Amino acid sequence: MIGRTGQLEIDRDIRFTICLGIATGLNYLHKYSRQRIIHRDIKSSNIPLHQFLNPKIFDFGLARLYENKMTHITTREAGTFGYLAQESALSDHLTEKVNVFAFGVVALDIISEKRYIDESFWCS
């Protein structure tokens, strides 16, 4: 259904299903892939909706792999401001939690139907 603004209106149940799809994708990256993956740039523009509004996680350019036996990776801060967890700015020891924080920001955008982070402000 197209709303007054000319954009696709998505009801609450579908928005919830989209969030669940993103969470399922992150769970796979964190627990079920051969090597665990810290994406480091989870944001709305990196999760396009495909057929039947299925979300797909894209842009693994900043991602880091680490072995299942490792508890964290040591790396420099990377990602998009507003989606970055505080611990990524305060420490060089990162875990999957940085992706979970960013997912929370994305979920807030989806559920509230508002964009809280203006990526163009930080990327210009």
Protein backbone atom coordinates (compact mmCIF):
# COMPACT_ATOMS: atom_id res chain seq x y z
CA MET A 1 0.00 0.00 0.00
CA ILE A 2 1.36 3.43 -0.94
CA GLY A 3 0.90 6.17 1.66
CA ARG A 4 0.40 9.94 1.40
CA THR A 5 4.13 10.55 1.01
CA GLY A 6 4.34 8.23 -2.00
CA GLN A 7 6.35 5.68 -0.02
CA LEU A 8 5.40 2.09 0.67
CA GLU A 9 3.53 1.80 3.97
CA ILE A 10 4.42 -1.32 5.91
CA ASP A 11 2.24 -2.48 8.80
CA ARG A 12 3.63 -3.24 12.24
CA ASP A 13 3.65 -7.03 11.83
CA ILE A 14 5.68 -6.82 8.63
CA ARG A 15 8.12 -4.36 10.24
CA PHE A 16 8.55 -6.85 13.09
CA THR A 17 9.17 -9.65 10.56
CA ILE A 18 11.82 -7.52 8.84
CA CYS A 19 13.58 -6.97 12.19
CA LEU A 20 13.39 -10.70 12.89
CA GLY A 21 14.97 -11.40 9.50
CA ILE A 22 17.86 -9.05 10.25
CA ALA A 23 18.36 -10.63 13.67
CA THR A 24 18.37 -14.09 12.07
CA GLY A 25 21.03 -12.97 9.60
CA LEU A 26 23.21 -11.55 12.38
CA ASN A 27 22.75 -14.73 14.41
CA TYR A 28 24.05 -16.72 11.45
CA LEU A 29 27.09 -14.45 11.09
CA HIS A 30 27.84 -14.69 14.80
CA LYS A 31 27.20 -18.38 15.48
CA TYR A 32 26.75 -20.55 12.41
CA SER A 33 29.14 -19.40 9.70
CA ARG A 34 32.48 -21.24 9.48
CA GLN A 35 34.25 -18.28 10.98
CA ARG A 36 32.39 -15.78 13.09
CA ILE A 37 31.94 -12.41 11.43
CA ILE A 38 31.84 -8.96 12.96
CA HIS A 39 30.25 -6.84 10.24
CA ARG A 40 31.19 -3.47 11.82
CA ASP A 41 28.87 -1.44 9.56
CA ILE A 42 25.32 -2.60 10.23
CA LYS A 43 23.05 0.29 9.21
CA SER A 44 19.77 0.76 7.39
CA SER A 45 21.37 1.43 4.00
CA ASN A 46 23.36 -1.84 4.23
CA ILE A 47 20.21 -3.92 4.69
CA PRO A 48 18.08 -3.61 1.55
CA LEU A 49 14.76 -5.39 1.30
CA HIS A 50 14.49 -7.95 -1.46
CA GLN A 51 11.62 -10.00 -2.81
CA PHE A 52 8.77 -10.37 -0.32
CA LEU A 53 10.45 -7.69 1.87
CA ASN A 54 13.20 -10.11 2.98
CA PRO A 55 16.16 -8.19 4.43
CA LYS A 56 19.67 -9.02 3.20
CA ILE A 57 22.83 -7.88 4.96
CA PHE A 58 25.23 -6.30 2.46
CA ASP A 59 28.57 -4.45 2.35
CA PHE A 60 31.08 -6.62 4.16
CA GLY A 61 33.94 -4.24 3.31
CA LEU A 62 34.65 -3.46 6.98
CA ALA A 63 33.85 -6.95 8.28
CA ARG A 64 36.36 -8.97 10.28
CA LEU A 65 36.50 -12.74 10.64
CA TYR A 66 37.55 -14.52 13.78
CA GLU A 67 37.86 -18.09 14.92
CA ASN A 68 35.27 -19.71 17.17
CA LYS A 69 37.84 -20.14 19.95
CA MET A 70 38.56 -16.38 20.06
CA THR A 71 36.65 -14.15 22.49
CA HIS A 72 37.22 -10.90 20.60
CA ILE A 73 39.20 -9.27 17.81
CA THR A 74 41.63 -6.39 18.11
CA THR A 75 41.05 -3.72 15.50
CA ARG A 76 40.54 -0.02 15.01
CA GLU A 77 37.14 1.64 15.12
CA ALA A 78 35.19 1.52 11.86
CA GLY A 79 31.60 1.98 10.78
CA THR A 80 29.05 4.76 10.58
CA PHE A 81 28.62 7.26 13.42
CA GLY A 82 25.30 6.84 15.16
CA TYR A 83 25.38 3.09 14.62
CA LEU A 84 28.67 2.60 16.49
CA ALA A 85 28.59 1.10 19.97
CA GLN A 86 30.49 3.07 22.61
CA GLU A 87 32.84 0.18 23.28
CA SER A 88 34.08 0.36 19.69
CA ALA A 89 35.22 3.93 20.30
CA LEU A 90 36.67 3.23 23.75
CA SER A 91 38.46 -0.04 23.08
CA ASP A 92 40.15 -1.91 20.28
CA HIS A 93 38.74 -5.24 21.55
CA LEU A 94 35.53 -5.91 19.63
CA THR A 95 32.91 -8.64 19.84
CA GLU A 96 29.62 -9.31 18.09
CA LYS A 97 28.03 -6.86 20.51
CA VAL A 98 28.96 -3.96 18.21
CA ASN A 99 26.68 -5.50 15.55
CA VAL A 100 23.91 -6.02 18.10
CA PHE A 101 24.06 -2.35 19.13
CA ALA A 102 23.83 -1.23 15.50
CA PHE A 103 20.93 -3.64 14.95
CA GLY A 104 19.12 -1.91 17.82
CA VAL A 105 19.44 1.44 16.03
CA VAL A 106 18.22 -0.11 12.77
CA ALA A 107 15.30 -1.80 14.57
CA LEU A 108 14.35 1.54 16.16
CA ASP A 109 14.30 3.10 12.67
CA ILE A 110 12.11 0.29 11.33
CA ILE A 111 9.64 0.00 14.20
CA SER A 112 9.17 3.76 14.67
CA GLU A 113 9.15 4.47 10.91
CA LYS A 114 11.60 7.33 11.53
CA ARG A 115 15.23 7.72 10.68
CA TYR A 116 17.19 8.64 13.79
CA ILE A 117 20.59 8.68 12.12
CA ASP A 118 21.15 10.95 9.11
CA GLU A 119 23.92 9.10 7.29
CA SER A 120 24.35 11.92 4.79
CA PHE A 121 25.41 14.23 7.63
CA TRP A 122 28.31 11.93 8.55
CA CYS A 123 29.18 10.77 5.04
CA SER A 124 29.35 14.10 3.23
